[in-house]
Protein backbone atom coordinates (compact mmCIF):
# COMPACT_ATOMS: atom_id res chain seq x y z
CA ALA A 1 -16.91 2.34 5.27
CA CYS A 2 -13.99 3.36 3.28
CA ASP A 3 -13.57 3.74 -0.49
CA ALA A 4 -9.95 2.47 -0.41
CA VAL A 5 -7.18 1.54 1.85
CA VAL A 6 -3.88 3.22 1.24
CA ILE A 7 -0.80 2.55 3.46
CA THR A 8 2.50 4.47 3.04
CA SER A 9 5.81 3.70 4.78
CA PRO A 10 9.55 4.12 4.52
CA ILE A 11 11.37 0.86 4.09
CA TYR A 12 13.80 0.14 7.06
CA TYR A 13 15.91 -2.87 6.96
CA HIS A 14 13.98 -4.41 4.05
CA GLN A 15 10.51 -4.11 5.65
CA VAL A 16 7.80 -1.48 6.24
CA CYS A 17 8.34 0.50 9.46
CA ALA A 18 7.17 -1.03 12.72
CA GLN A 19 4.00 1.04 12.88
CA ALA A 20 2.90 0.05 9.43
CA LYS A 21 3.70 -3.47 10.07
CA MET A 22 1.61 -3.53 13.28
CA PHE A 23 -1.35 -2.00 11.50
CA ILE A 24 -1.17 -4.54 8.55
CA ASP A 25 -0.77 -7.32 11.05
CA ARG A 26 -3.79 -6.35 13.06
CA PHE A 27 -6.03 -5.06 10.37
CA TYR A 28 -7.37 -8.36 9.14
CA THR A 29 -8.81 -9.12 12.52
CA LEU A 30 -11.31 -6.30 12.00
CA PHE A 31 -12.98 -8.04 9.02
CA ASP A 32 -14.16 -11.48 8.05
CA PRO A 33 -15.35 -11.41 4.47
CA THR A 34 -16.76 -14.92 4.78
CA GLN A 35 -19.49 -13.79 7.17
CA GLU A 36 -22.43 -11.73 6.11
CA GLY A 37 -22.19 -8.08 7.17
CA MET A 38 -18.66 -8.33 8.52
CA THR A 39 -17.14 -6.10 5.75
CA ARG A 40 -18.38 -3.84 3.01
CA THR A 41 -15.16 -4.21 1.15
CA VAL A 42 -16.05 -7.38 -0.75
CA ARG A 43 -19.56 -6.18 -1.89
CA ARG A 44 -18.21 -2.88 -3.23
CA GLY A 45 -15.00 -4.00 -4.91
CA LYS A 46 -12.70 -1.79 -2.90
CA ARG A 47 -9.06 -1.16 -3.68
CA ALA A 48 -5.97 -1.23 -1.60
CA ALA A 49 -2.58 0.39 -2.31
CA LEU A 50 0.89 0.29 -0.68
CA ALA A 51 3.34 3.00 -1.39
CA LEU A 52 6.87 2.53 0.01
CA THR A 53 9.99 4.84 -0.01
CA PHE A 54 13.58 3.96 0.55
CA ALA A 55 16.88 5.69 0.41
CA GLY A 56 19.04 2.96 -1.04
CA GLY A 57 19.09 -0.78 -1.55
CA PRO A 58 17.82 -3.51 -3.84
CA ALA A 59 14.94 -1.92 -5.56
CA ASP A 60 13.83 -5.18 -7.24
CA GLU A 61 13.54 -6.82 -3.81
CA TYR A 62 11.53 -3.92 -2.50
CA ARG A 63 9.14 -3.99 -5.48
CA ALA A 64 8.67 -7.85 -4.86
CA TYR A 65 8.18 -7.18 -1.12
CA ALA A 66 5.63 -4.38 -1.74
CA ALA A 67 3.67 -6.65 -4.07
CA SER A 68 3.51 -9.42 -1.67
CA THR A 69 2.73 -7.17 1.29
CA VAL A 70 -0.23 -5.44 -0.39
CA ARG A 71 -1.79 -8.92 -1.11
CA CYS A 72 -2.65 -9.17 2.51
CA PHE A 73 -5.49 -6.73 1.90
CA GLY A 74 -7.10 -9.21 -0.39
CA THR A 75 -7.82 -11.34 2.87
CA VAL A 76 -10.10 -8.49 4.06
CA GLY A 77 -11.87 -8.22 0.79
CA ALA A 78 -10.02 -5.67 -1.36
CA ALA A 79 -10.85 -6.60 -4.88
CA GLU A 80 -7.94 -4.68 -6.64
CA LEU A 81 -4.44 -4.29 -5.25
CA ARG A 82 -1.44 -2.08 -6.28
CA SER A 83 1.91 -1.18 -4.87
CA GLU A 84 4.50 1.48 -5.80
CA VAL A 85 8.04 1.80 -4.55
CA PHE A 86 10.07 5.03 -4.67
CA GLY A 87 13.73 4.90 -4.17
CA GLY A 88 16.65 7.30 -3.56
CA LEU A 89 14.68 9.51 -1.22
CA LEU A 90 16.76 10.73 1.68
CA SER A 91 14.67 13.67 2.92
CA PRO A 92 10.98 14.46 3.61
CA GLY A 93 9.23 16.08 0.67
CA GLU A 94 12.00 15.00 -1.74
CA ILE A 95 9.65 13.03 -3.87
CA SER A 96 7.79 16.07 -5.05
CA ALA A 97 11.00 17.17 -6.95
CA ASP A 98 10.99 13.99 -9.06
CA ALA A 99 8.73 14.34 -12.02
CA ALA A 100 8.62 10.67 -12.84
CA TYR A 101 7.73 9.76 -9.27
CA MET A 102 5.13 12.50 -9.09
CA GLU A 103 3.46 11.09 -12.26
CA LYS A 104 3.40 7.59 -10.55
CA VAL A 105 1.70 9.29 -7.60
CA ARG A 106 -0.95 11.01 -9.71
CA ASP A 107 -1.61 7.71 -11.62
CA LEU A 108 -2.14 5.87 -8.29
CA ALA A 109 -4.55 8.69 -7.13
CA ARG A 110 -6.47 8.34 -10.45
CA TRP A 111 -6.68 4.61 -10.03
CA LEU A 112 -7.95 4.94 -6.51
CA GLY A 113 -10.53 7.45 -7.58
CA GLU A 114 -11.94 5.45 -10.48
């Protein structure tokens, strides 16, 4: 059993990448929280987080998209959900140079570990 589910993805054409989309679309079939013993997530109040990055575009739309997308993990029993969106990132590792973004990452890690 896991303690949390964390998905990260770049945003391509206003959506998560194809690999993340496929994982999210197929993930729910692994669990049925309405049946006894089909998931440990519900009983233990697990958390799910979605962290997305993008180079440019409508940040407000991406935040709304992330919040909507992470809600799908509620269908497999995640009790608490959170999403973060990080924009203006053009190169791998670039997020580590942004102090405000790194504080959001640390905050997310603390929340997951509580």
